[in-house]
Amino acid sequence: MYKFLLGLLMLMCSQLASADLVAKSNFLLKDMAGVQHQLAQYKGKWVLVNYWATWCPPCLEEVPDLVNLYDQHRQKDLMVLGVVFDYKDVNEVKAYVDDMLMSYPIVLGDDSVMEQIGAAEVMPTTFIYNPKGKLVKIKRGIVTKQYVESLIKAGVK
């Protein structure tokens, strides 16, 4: 009886875990321009969801690579979504985005975003989804153009 109950409990936990993965596998985010971004709409493309903050020096350092990636790959095989956390106000974010020439969409981060994508212990953190919409990497710290292009080239599953 004990083995049966343990097996049933494990099955229920795995069902809950897979339901959680399904819920997180098709996020819906609205950027500062009012445009909605759903993971499913980028099927066939790599998707980077990059958590950052205006006060974060490593975030500042990685922005040029993210802009370059987005500008070079967005028409073909990549989407970048920046999610800003821990900011004073929207004007601070807009000024930062303008100063850094951030061409990719920016989402104002909140609890809803973390519920859909996941939390981050450090800034920056980048969630990387393959063209099938599967989360394949969580990169804590700086993400570089070379790193992302190597993942794309390798076809990480």
Protein backbone atom coordinates (compact mmCIF):
# COMPACT_ATOMS: atom_id res chain seq x y z
CA MET A 1 0.00 0.00 0.00
CA TYR A 2 2.85 2.36 0.88
CA LYS A 3 4.50 1.86 -2.55
CA PHE A 4 1.18 2.50 -4.29
CA LEU A 5 0.63 5.78 -2.40
CA LEU A 6 4.21 6.87 -3.04
CA GLY A 7 3.82 6.09 -6.74
CA LEU A 8 0.53 7.99 -6.87
CA LEU A 9 2.12 10.97 -5.14
CA MET A 10 5.05 10.95 -7.58
CA LEU A 11 2.67 10.78 -10.54
CA MET A 12 0.65 13.71 -9.20
CA CYS A 13 3.83 15.75 -8.66
CA SER A 14 5.04 15.03 -12.19
CA GLN A 15 1.62 16.05 -13.55
CA LEU A 16 1.80 19.32 -11.62
CA ALA A 17 5.36 19.95 -12.80
CA SER A 18 4.43 19.33 -16.44
CA ALA A 19 1.35 21.57 -16.08
CA ASP A 20 3.66 24.29 -14.72
CA LEU A 21 5.99 23.86 -17.71
CA VAL A 22 3.05 24.12 -20.10
CA ALA A 23 1.85 27.30 -18.40
CA LYS A 24 5.32 28.83 -18.70
CA SER A 25 5.84 27.63 -22.24
CA ASN A 26 3.47 30.15 -23.81
CA PHE A 27 3.91 33.44 -22.00
CA LEU A 28 2.05 36.61 -22.95
CA LEU A 29 3.87 39.89 -22.29
CA LYS A 30 3.00 43.47 -23.21
CA ASP A 31 5.85 45.82 -24.08
CA MET A 32 6.12 49.54 -23.35
CA ALA A 33 4.69 50.35 -26.79
CA GLY A 34 1.55 48.34 -25.98
CA VAL A 35 2.45 45.44 -28.30
CA GLN A 36 1.70 41.94 -27.00
CA HIS A 37 4.30 39.21 -27.36
CA GLN A 38 3.32 35.58 -27.03
CA LEU A 39 5.91 32.83 -27.26
CA ALA A 40 3.73 30.88 -29.70
CA GLN A 41 3.88 33.73 -32.24
CA TYR A 42 7.65 33.24 -32.52
CA LYS A 43 7.54 29.56 -33.42
CA GLY A 44 10.50 28.84 -35.68
CA LYS A 45 12.65 31.50 -33.99
CA TRP A 46 14.95 31.52 -31.00
CA VAL A 47 13.55 33.73 -28.24
CA LEU A 48 15.66 35.48 -25.61
CA VAL A 49 13.86 36.95 -22.61
CA ASN A 50 16.46 39.10 -20.90
CA TYR A 51 15.86 40.33 -17.34
CA TRP A 52 17.79 43.51 -16.55
CA ALA A 53 17.82 46.62 -14.36
CA THR A 54 18.94 50.20 -14.98
CA TRP A 55 21.34 50.12 -11.99
CA CYS A 56 23.08 46.91 -13.14
CA PRO A 57 26.59 47.34 -14.69
CA PRO A 58 26.65 43.84 -16.29
CA CYS A 59 23.24 44.60 -17.85
CA LEU A 60 24.70 47.78 -19.35
CA GLU A 61 27.63 45.76 -20.68
CA GLU A 62 25.49 43.18 -22.51
CA VAL A 63 23.07 45.63 -24.19
CA PRO A 64 25.23 46.28 -27.31
CA ASP A 65 25.44 42.53 -28.02
CA LEU A 66 21.68 42.10 -27.54
CA VAL A 67 20.96 45.07 -29.84
CA ASN A 68 23.35 43.65 -32.43
CA LEU A 69 21.78 40.19 -32.21
CA TYR A 70 18.27 41.57 -32.52
CA ASP A 71 19.10 43.88 -35.42
CA GLN A 72 20.95 41.16 -37.36
CA HIS A 73 18.67 38.19 -36.67
CA ARG A 74 15.12 39.43 -36.01
CA GLN A 75 13.97 38.99 -39.60
CA LYS A 76 15.35 35.45 -39.73
CA ASP A 77 15.67 33.41 -36.60
CA LEU A 78 15.70 35.37 -33.34
CA MET A 79 13.53 37.54 -31.08
CA VAL A 80 14.83 39.48 -28.08
CA LEU A 81 12.53 40.75 -25.34
CA GLY A 82 14.03 42.87 -22.58
CA VAL A 83 12.27 42.81 -19.22
CA VAL A 84 13.27 45.58 -16.82
CA PHE A 85 12.94 45.09 -13.07
CA ASP A 86 13.61 47.27 -10.03
CA TYR A 87 13.28 50.68 -11.67
CA LYS A 88 12.16 54.04 -10.22
CA ASP A 89 9.63 54.98 -12.89
CA VAL A 90 8.79 54.59 -16.58
CA ASN A 91 10.65 57.78 -17.51
CA GLU A 92 13.87 56.37 -16.08
CA VAL A 93 13.41 53.25 -18.21
CA LYS A 94 12.61 55.26 -21.35
CA ALA A 95 15.72 57.42 -20.88
CA TYR A 96 17.89 54.32 -20.39
CA VAL A 97 16.42 52.60 -23.45
CA ASP A 98 17.00 55.74 -25.56
CA ASP A 99 20.56 56.26 -24.26
CA MET A 100 21.47 52.63 -24.96
CA LEU A 101 19.77 52.59 -28.40
CA MET A 102 17.83 49.47 -27.40
CA SER A 103 15.95 48.50 -30.55
CA TYR A 104 14.25 45.39 -29.16
CA PRO A 105 10.93 45.48 -27.26
CA ILE A 106 11.05 46.32 -23.55
CA VAL A 107 8.57 44.93 -21.02
CA LEU A 108 8.06 46.43 -17.57
CA GLY A 109 8.70 43.52 -15.24
CA ASP A 110 6.27 42.58 -12.47
CA ASP A 111 4.99 39.53 -10.59
CA SER A 112 2.94 38.44 -13.61
CA VAL A 113 6.07 38.23 -15.76
CA MET A 114 7.89 36.18 -13.13
CA GLU A 115 4.90 33.83 -12.81
CA GLN A 116 4.97 33.23 -16.57
CA ILE A 117 8.72 33.09 -17.21
CA GLY A 118 10.39 32.47 -13.86
CA ALA A 119 12.28 34.39 -11.20
CA ALA A 120 15.91 35.43 -11.36
CA GLU A 121 18.36 35.44 -8.50
CA VAL A 122 20.81 37.71 -10.33
CA MET A 123 20.74 40.45 -12.94
CA PRO A 124 21.04 39.97 -15.79
CA THR A 125 19.37 36.62 -16.41
CA THR A 126 18.34 35.43 -19.86
CA PHE A 127 15.76 32.73 -20.58
CA ILE A 128 16.51 31.11 -23.94
CA TYR A 129 13.80 29.30 -25.89
CA ASN A 130 14.53 27.19 -28.96
CA PRO A 131 12.50 27.50 -32.21
CA LYS A 132 10.03 24.91 -30.90
CA GLY A 133 9.23 27.17 -27.94
CA LYS A 134 11.03 25.00 -25.38
CA LEU A 135 13.05 26.66 -22.63
CA VAL A 136 16.54 25.26 -23.21
CA LYS A 137 18.82 27.54 -21.17
CA ILE A 138 18.71 29.96 -18.28
CA LYS A 139 21.86 32.07 -18.53
CA ARG A 140 22.70 33.94 -15.35
CA GLY A 141 25.07 36.84 -15.88
CA ILE A 142 26.15 38.48 -19.09
CA VAL A 143 24.99 36.93 -22.34
CA THR A 144 27.12 37.67 -25.40
CA LYS A 145 26.41 37.64 -29.09
CA GLN A 146 29.00 34.89 -29.52
CA TYR A 147 27.32 32.73 -26.85
CA VAL A 148 23.85 33.06 -28.41
CA GLU A 149 25.11 32.47 -31.95
CA SER A 150 26.94 29.34 -30.78
CA LEU A 151 23.67 28.02 -29.30
CA ILE A 152 21.82 28.77 -32.54
CA LYS A 153 24.54 27.11 -34.60
CA ALA A 154 24.57 24.04 -32.35
CA GLY A 155 20.78 23.84 -32.52
CA VAL A 156 20.49 23.25 -28.75
CA LYS A 157 17.41 21.19 -28.00
